[in-house]
PDB file of N, CA and C in Angstrom:
ATOM      1  N   MET A   1     -22.627   7.927 200.198  1.00  0.00           N
ATOM      2  CA  MET A   1     -23.990   7.550 199.883  1.00  0.00           C
ATOM      3  C   MET A   1     -24.596   6.817 201.072  1.00  0.00           C
ATOM      4  N   THR A   2     -25.874   6.953 201.239  1.00  0.00           N
ATOM      5  CA  THR A   2     -26.618   6.294 202.295  1.00  0.00           C
ATOM      6  C   THR A   2     -26.607   4.790 202.078  1.00  0.00           C
ATOM      7  N   GLU A   3     -26.596   4.035 203.180  1.00  0.00           N
ATOM      8  CA  GLU A   3     -26.695   2.590 203.064  1.00  0.00           C
ATOM      9  C   GLU A   3     -28.090   2.230 202.550  1.00  0.00           C
ATOM     10  N   ILE A   4     -28.131   1.332 201.595  1.00  0.00           N
ATOM     11  CA  ILE A   4     -29.388   0.893 201.011  1.00  0.00           C
ATOM     12  C   ILE A   4     -30.006  -0.170 201.908  1.00  0.00           C
ATOM     13  N   LYS A   5     -31.290  -0.060 202.137  1.00  0.00           N
ATOM     14  CA  LYS A   5     -32.037  -1.045 202.915  1.00  0.00           C
ATOM     15  C   LYS A   5     -33.190  -1.550 202.060  1.00  0.00           C
ATOM     16  N   LYS A   6     -33.639  -2.759 202.341  1.00  0.00           N
ATOM     17  CA  LYS A   6     -34.645  -3.371 201.472  1.00  0.00           C
ATOM     18  C   LYS A   6     -36.025  -2.735 201.579  1.00  0.00           C
ATOM     19  N   ASP A   7     -36.229  -1.856 202.559  1.00  0.00           N
ATOM     20  CA  ASP A   7     -37.529  -1.194 202.654  1.00  0.00           C
ATOM     21  C   ASP A   7     -37.578   0.138 201.899  1.00  0.00           C
ATOM     22  N   LEU A   8     -36.480   0.511 201.251  1.00  0.00           N
ATOM     23  CA  LEU A   8     -36.475   1.726 200.429  1.00  0.00           C
ATOM     24  C   LEU A   8     -37.179   1.451 199.109  1.00  0.00           C
ATOM     25  N   ARG A   9     -37.869   2.439 198.614  1.00  0.00           N
ATOM     26  CA  ARG A   9     -38.524   2.301 197.321  1.00  0.00           C
ATOM     27  C   ARG A   9     -37.476   2.376 196.207  1.00  0.00           C
ATOM     28  N   ILE A  10     -37.717   1.644 195.160  1.00  0.00           N
ATOM     29  CA  ILE A  10     -36.762   1.615 194.054  1.00  0.00           C
ATOM     30  C   ILE A  10     -36.564   3.013 193.485  1.00  0.00           C
ATOM     31  N   GLY A  11     -37.629   3.762 193.343  1.00  0.00           N
ATOM     32  CA  GLY A  11     -37.509   5.130 192.836  1.00  0.00           C
ATOM     33  C   GLY A  11     -36.597   5.990 193.699  1.00  0.00           C
ATOM     34  N   GLU A  12     -36.677   5.835 195.021  1.00  0.00           N
ATOM     35  CA  GLU A  12     -35.814   6.586 195.935  1.00  0.00           C
ATOM     36  C   GLU A  12     -34.356   6.190 195.739  1.00  0.00           C
ATOM     37  N   ILE A  13     -34.137   4.893 195.592  1.00  0.00           N
ATOM     38  CA  ILE A  13     -32.770   4.391 195.427  1.00  0.00           C
ATOM     39  C   ILE A  13     -32.183   4.906 194.113  1.00  0.00           C
ATOM     40  N   LEU A  14     -32.969   4.873 193.055  1.00  0.00           N
ATOM     41  CA  LEU A  14     -32.481   5.364 191.770  1.00  0.00           C
ATOM     42  C   LEU A  14     -32.168   6.850 191.833  1.00  0.00           C
ATOM     43  N   ASN A  15     -32.936   7.611 192.608  1.00  0.00           N
ATOM     44  CA  ASN A  15     -32.645   9.039 192.780  1.00  0.00           C
ATOM     45  C   ASN A  15     -31.347   9.265 193.535  1.00  0.00           C
ATOM     46  N   LEU A  16     -30.989   8.344 194.432  1.00  0.00           N
ATOM     47  CA  LEU A  16     -29.743   8.449 195.191  1.00  0.00           C
ATOM     48  C   LEU A  16     -28.535   7.987 194.384  1.00  0.00           C
ATOM     49  N   ASP A  17     -28.766   7.284 193.295  1.00  0.00           N
ATOM     50  CA  ASP A  17     -27.717   6.613 192.536  1.00  0.00           C
ATOM     51  C   ASP A  17     -27.035   7.556 191.549  1.00  0.00           C
ATOM     52  N   CYS A  18     -26.403   8.577 192.062  1.00  0.00           N
ATOM     53  CA  CYS A  18     -25.761   9.590 191.217  1.00  0.00           C
ATOM     54  C   CYS A  18     -24.658   9.004 190.335  1.00  0.00           C
ATOM     55  N   ALA A  19     -23.960   7.994 190.829  1.00  0.00           N
ATOM     56  CA  ALA A  19     -22.844   7.409 190.080  1.00  0.00           C
ATOM     57  C   ALA A  19     -23.284   6.219 189.232  1.00  0.00           C
ATOM     58  N   ASN A  20     -24.585   5.949 189.170  1.00  0.00           N
ATOM     59  CA  ASN A  20     -25.115   4.817 188.404  1.00  0.00           C
ATOM     60  C   ASN A  20     -24.459   3.490 188.773  1.00  0.00           C
ATOM     61  N   GLU A  21     -24.329   3.249 190.053  1.00  0.00           N
ATOM     62  CA  GLU A  21     -23.743   2.007 190.551  1.00  0.00           C
ATOM     63  C   GLU A  21     -24.797   0.951 190.856  1.00  0.00           C
ATOM     64  N   ILE A  22     -26.027   1.354 191.107  1.00  0.00           N
ATOM     65  CA  ILE A  22     -27.073   0.419 191.500  1.00  0.00           C
ATOM     66  C   ILE A  22     -27.777  -0.169 190.282  1.00  0.00           C
ATOM     67  N   ILE A  23     -27.955   0.617 189.267  1.00  0.00           N
ATOM     68  CA  ILE A  23     -28.681   0.165 188.078  1.00  0.00           C
ATOM     69  C   ILE A  23     -28.118  -1.140 187.520  1.00  0.00           C
ATOM     70  N   PRO A  24     -26.795  -1.294 187.373  1.00  0.00           N
ATOM     71  CA  PRO A  24     -26.284  -2.565 186.848  1.00  0.00           C
ATOM     72  C   PRO A  24     -26.676  -3.778 187.688  1.00  0.00           C
ATOM     73  N   PHE A  25     -26.720  -3.637 189.013  1.00  0.00           N
ATOM     74  CA  PHE A  25     -27.136  -4.747 189.864  1.00  0.00           C
ATOM     75  C   PHE A  25     -28.589  -5.119 189.621  1.00  0.00           C
ATOM     76  N   LEU A  26     -29.442  -4.133 189.483  1.00  0.00           N
ATOM     77  CA  LEU A  26     -30.850  -4.405 189.227  1.00  0.00           C
ATOM     78  C   LEU A  26     -31.024  -5.115 187.887  1.00  0.00           C
ATOM     79  N   LEU A  27     -30.338  -4.635 186.879  1.00  0.00           N
ATOM     80  CA  LEU A  27     -30.440  -5.255 185.562  1.00  0.00           C
ATOM     81  C   LEU A  27     -29.897  -6.677 185.572  1.00  0.00           C
ATOM     82  N   GLU A  28     -28.769  -6.884 186.244  1.00  0.00           N
ATOM     83  CA  GLU A  28     -28.153  -8.206 186.328  1.00  0.00           C
ATOM     84  C   GLU A  28     -29.090  -9.235 186.973  1.00  0.00           C
ATOM     85  N   MET A  29     -29.883  -8.790 187.924  1.00  0.00           N
ATOM     86  CA  MET A  29     -30.805  -9.681 188.629  1.00  0.00           C
ATOM     87  C   MET A  29     -32.121  -9.844 187.857  1.00  0.00           C
ATOM     88  N   GLY A  30     -32.227  -9.225 186.680  1.00  0.00           N
ATOM     89  CA  GLY A  30     -33.453  -9.338 185.895  1.00  0.00           C
ATOM     90  C   GLY A  30     -34.532  -8.362 186.318  1.00  0.00           C
ATOM     91  N   MET A  31     -34.144  -7.393 187.113  1.00  0.00           N
ATOM     92  CA  MET A  31     -35.097  -6.389 187.599  1.00  0.00           C
ATOM     93  C   MET A  31     -34.933  -5.126 186.756  1.00  0.00           C
ATOM     94  N   HIS A  32     -35.747  -5.020 185.745  1.00  0.00           N
ATOM     95  CA  HIS A  32     -35.667  -3.875 184.844  1.00  0.00           C
ATOM     96  C   HIS A  32     -36.609  -2.777 185.324  1.00  0.00           C
ATOM     97  N   CYS A  33     -36.430  -2.407 186.575  1.00  0.00           N
ATOM     98  CA  CYS A  33     -37.327  -1.479 187.270  1.00  0.00           C
ATOM     99  C   CYS A  33     -37.032  -0.017 186.973  1.00  0.00           C
ATOM    100  N   ILE A  34     -35.994   0.229 186.255  1.00  0.00           N
ATOM    101  CA  ILE A  34     -35.538   1.596 186.071  1.00  0.00           C
ATOM    102  C   ILE A  34     -36.608   2.489 185.460  1.00  0.00           C
ATOM    103  N   GLY A  35     -37.317   2.013 184.443  1.00  0.00           N
ATOM    104  CA  GLY A  35     -38.332   2.825 183.802  1.00  0.00           C
ATOM    105  C   GLY A  35     -39.756   2.427 184.151  1.00  0.00           C
ATOM    106  N   CYS A  36     -39.900   1.503 185.068  1.00  0.00           N
ATOM    107  CA  CYS A  36     -41.225   0.995 185.413  1.00  0.00           C
ATOM    108  C   CYS A  36     -41.969   1.985 186.312  1.00  0.00           C
ATOM    109  N   PRO A  37     -43.217   2.294 185.983  1.00  0.00           N
ATOM    110  CA  PRO A  37     -43.994   3.204 186.834  1.00  0.00           C
ATOM    111  C   PRO A  37     -44.168   2.683 188.266  1.00  0.00           C
ATOM    112  N   ALA A  38     -44.138   1.372 188.440  1.00  0.00           N
ATOM    113  CA  ALA A  38     -44.310   0.792 189.775  1.00  0.00           C
ATOM    114  C   ALA A  38     -43.119   1.095 190.689  1.00  0.00           C
ATOM    115  N   SER A  39     -41.989   1.459 190.119  1.00  0.00           N
ATOM    116  CA  SER A  39     -40.794   1.681 190.934  1.00  0.00           C
ATOM    117  C   SER A  39     -40.953   2.824 191.933  1.00  0.00           C
ATOM    118  N   ALA A  40     -41.842   3.739 191.654  1.00  0.00           N
ATOM    119  CA  ALA A  40     -42.059   4.856 192.580  1.00  0.00           C
ATOM    120  C   ALA A  40     -42.699   4.388 193.882  1.00  0.00           C
ATOM    121  N   MET A  41     -43.436   3.289 193.821  1.00  0.00           N
ATOM    122  CA  MET A  41     -44.164   2.823 195.002  1.00  0.00           C
ATOM    123  C   MET A  41     -43.658   1.482 195.550  1.00  0.00           C
ATOM    124  N   GLU A  42     -42.817   0.773 194.815  1.00  0.00           N
ATOM    125  CA  GLU A  42     -42.398  -0.570 195.189  1.00  0.00           C
ATOM    126  C   GLU A  42     -41.042  -0.544 195.893  1.00  0.00           C
ATOM    127  N   THR A  43     -40.953  -1.263 197.008  1.00  0.00           N
ATOM    128  CA  THR A  43     -39.682  -1.344 197.727  1.00  0.00           C
ATOM    129  C   THR A  43     -38.787  -2.395 197.071  1.00  0.00           C
ATOM    130  N   ILE A  44     -37.525  -2.347 197.418  1.00  0.00           N
ATOM    131  CA  ILE A  44     -36.593  -3.371 196.937  1.00  0.00           C
ATOM    132  C   ILE A  44     -37.101  -4.753 197.335  1.00  0.00           C
ATOM    133  N   GLU A  45     -37.556  -4.901 198.561  1.00  0.00           N
ATOM    134  CA  GLU A  45     -38.033  -6.199 199.030  1.00  0.00           C
ATOM    135  C   GLU A  45     -39.237  -6.678 198.214  1.00  0.00           C
ATOM    136  N   GLU A  46     -40.175  -5.794 197.931  1.00  0.00           N
ATOM    137  CA  GLU A  46     -41.349  -6.164 197.141  1.00  0.00           C
ATOM    138  C   GLU A  46     -40.959  -6.550 195.718  1.00  0.00           C
ATOM    139  N   ALA A  47     -40.077  -5.783 195.118  1.00  0.00           N
ATOM    140  CA  ALA A  47     -39.624  -6.081 193.758  1.00  0.00           C
ATOM    141  C   ALA A  47     -38.888  -7.417 193.715  1.00  0.00           C
ATOM    142  N   CYS A  48     -38.093  -7.681 194.737  1.00  0.00           N
ATOM    143  CA  CYS A  48     -37.372  -8.952 194.791  1.00  0.00           C
ATOM    144  C   CYS A  48     -38.335 -10.122 194.888  1.00  0.00           C
ATOM    145  N   MET A  49     -39.396  -9.980 195.661  1.00  0.00           N
ATOM    146  CA  MET A  49     -40.390 -11.052 195.771  1.00  0.00           C
ATOM    147  C   MET A  49     -41.029 -11.326 194.408  1.00  0.00           C
ATOM    148  N   VAL A  50     -41.362 -10.270 193.679  1.00  0.00           N
ATOM    149  CA  VAL A  50     -41.995 -10.415 192.369  1.00  0.00           C
ATOM    150  C   VAL A  50     -41.054 -11.101 191.378  1.00  0.00           C
ATOM    151  N   HIS A  51     -39.756 -10.782 191.474  1.00  0.00           N
ATOM    152  CA  HIS A  51     -38.779 -11.283 190.502  1.00  0.00           C
ATOM    153  C   HIS A  51     -38.028 -12.524 190.981  1.00  0.00           C
ATOM    154  N   GLY A  52     -38.369 -13.033 192.161  1.00  0.00           N
ATOM    155  CA  GLY A  52     -37.714 -14.236 192.661  1.00  0.00           C
ATOM    156  C   GLY A  52     -36.248 -14.032 193.021  1.00  0.00           C
ATOM    157  N   VAL A  53     -35.937 -12.872 193.558  1.00  0.00           N
ATOM    158  CA  VAL A  53     -34.571 -12.509 193.925  1.00  0.00           C
ATOM    159  C   VAL A  53     -34.485 -12.395 195.442  1.00  0.00           C
ATOM    160  N   ASP A  54     -33.376 -12.819 196.012  1.00  0.00           N
ATOM    161  CA  ASP A  54     -33.151 -12.705 197.455  1.00  0.00           C
ATOM    162  C   ASP A  54     -32.844 -11.240 197.788  1.00  0.00           C
ATOM    163  N   ALA A  55     -33.734 -10.590 198.505  1.00  0.00           N
ATOM    164  CA  ALA A  55     -33.590  -9.159 198.824  1.00  0.00           C
ATOM    165  C   ALA A  55     -32.358  -8.885 199.675  1.00  0.00           C
ATOM    166  N   ASP A  56     -32.097  -9.746 200.650  1.00  0.00           N
ATOM    167  CA  ASP A  56     -30.923  -9.533 201.511  1.00  0.00           C
ATOM    168  C   ASP A  56     -29.631  -9.622 200.704  1.00  0.00           C
ATOM    169  N   ASP A  57     -29.563 -10.584 199.780  1.00  0.00           N
ATOM    170  CA  ASP A  57     -28.386 -10.730 198.934  1.00  0.00           C
ATOM    171  C   ASP A  57     -28.197  -9.514 198.045  1.00  0.00           C
ATOM    172  N   LEU A  58     -29.268  -9.074 197.417  1.00  0.00           N
ATOM    173  CA  LEU A  58     -29.177  -7.908 196.532  1.00  0.00           C
ATOM    174  C   LEU A  58     -28.735  -6.667 197.293  1.00  0.00           C
ATOM    175  N   VAL A  59     -29.327  -6.422 198.442  1.00  0.00           N
ATOM    176  CA  VAL A  59     -28.973  -5.246 199.244  1.00  0.00           C
ATOM    177  C   VAL A  59     -27.517  -5.328 199.701  1.00  0.00           C
ATOM    178  N   ALA A  60     -27.072  -6.502 200.109  1.00  0.00           N
ATOM    179  CA  ALA A  60     -25.679  -6.671 200.537  1.00  0.00           C
ATOM    180  C   ALA A  60     -24.720  -6.398 199.378  1.00  0.00           C
ATOM    181  N   ARG A  61     -25.061  -6.887 198.201  1.00  0.00           N
ATOM    182  CA  ARG A  61     -24.205  -6.665 197.024  1.00  0.00           C
ATOM    183  C   ARG A  61     -24.168  -5.193 196.633  1.00  0.00           C
ATOM    184  N   ILE A  62     -25.307  -4.546 196.668  1.00  0.00           N
ATOM    185  CA  ILE A  62     -25.346  -3.119 196.335  1.00  0.00           C
ATOM    186  C   ILE A  62     -24.518  -2.318 197.338  1.00  0.00           C
ATOM    187  N   ASN A  63     -24.698  -2.572 198.620  1.00  0.00           N
ATOM    188  CA  ASN A  63     -23.962  -1.821 199.637  1.00  0.00           C
ATOM    189  C   ASN A  63     -22.469  -2.076 199.561  1.00  0.00           C
ATOM    190  N   ALA A  64     -22.062  -3.308 199.255  1.00  0.00           N
ATOM    191  CA  ALA A  64     -20.637  -3.609 199.099  1.00  0.00           C
ATOM    192  C   ALA A  64     -20.055  -2.811 197.939  1.00  0.00           C
ATOM    193  N   ARG A  65     -20.769  -2.739 196.838  1.00  0.00           N
ATOM    194  CA  ARG A  65     -20.309  -1.989 195.681  1.00  0.00           C
ATOM    195  C   ARG A  65     -20.222  -0.495 195.993  1.00  0.00           C
ATOM    196  N   LEU A  66     -21.214   0.022 196.690  1.00  0.00           N
ATOM    197  CA  LEU A  66     -21.199   1.441 197.041  1.00  0.00           C
ATOM    198  C   LEU A  66     -20.025   1.771 197.958  1.00  0.00           C
ATOM    199  N   LYS A  67     -19.679   0.858 198.861  1.00  0.00           N
ATOM    200  CA  LYS A  67     -18.509   1.083 199.726  1.00  0.00           C
ATOM    201  C   LYS A  67     -17.232   1.122 198.912  1.00  0.00           C
ATOM    202  N   GLU A  68     -17.136   0.266 197.895  1.00  0.00           N
ATOM    203  CA  GLU A  68     -15.962   0.263 197.017  1.00  0.00           C
ATOM    204  C   GLU A  68     -15.827   1.595 196.302  1.00  0.00           C
ATOM    205  N   VAL A  69     -16.930   2.111 195.821  1.00  0.00           N
ATOM    206  CA  VAL A  69     -16.926   3.357 195.065  1.00  0.00           C
ATOM    207  C   VAL A  69     -16.571   4.536 195.964  1.00  0.00           C
ATOM    208  N   ASP A  70     -17.060   4.511 197.208  1.00  0.00           N
ATOM    209  CA  ASP A  70     -16.798   5.611 198.153  1.00  0.00           C
ATOM    210  C   ASP A  70     -15.365   5.599 198.687  1.00  0.00           C
ATOM    211  N   ALA A  71     -14.703   4.457 198.580  1.00  0.00           N
ATOM    212  CA  ALA A  71     -13.349   4.326 199.159  1.00  0.00           C
ATOM    213  C   ALA A  71     -12.313   5.085 198.359  1.00  0.00           C
TER     214      ALA A  71
END
């Protein structure tokens, strides 16, 4: 899987999430963006600002999990 960066749109990331590894992180952080119409246009960084979440931390956690799954 491609490395996730905070400038990717949430909709793009969800489309890449074939193994459903990213959705739990978003939900855990209180970001219920999965069904939100704004997810098609909002980046991870923008969503994190709205929800008071550290974008760098979230991206690092997602990428670490994806590396575990790919191993």
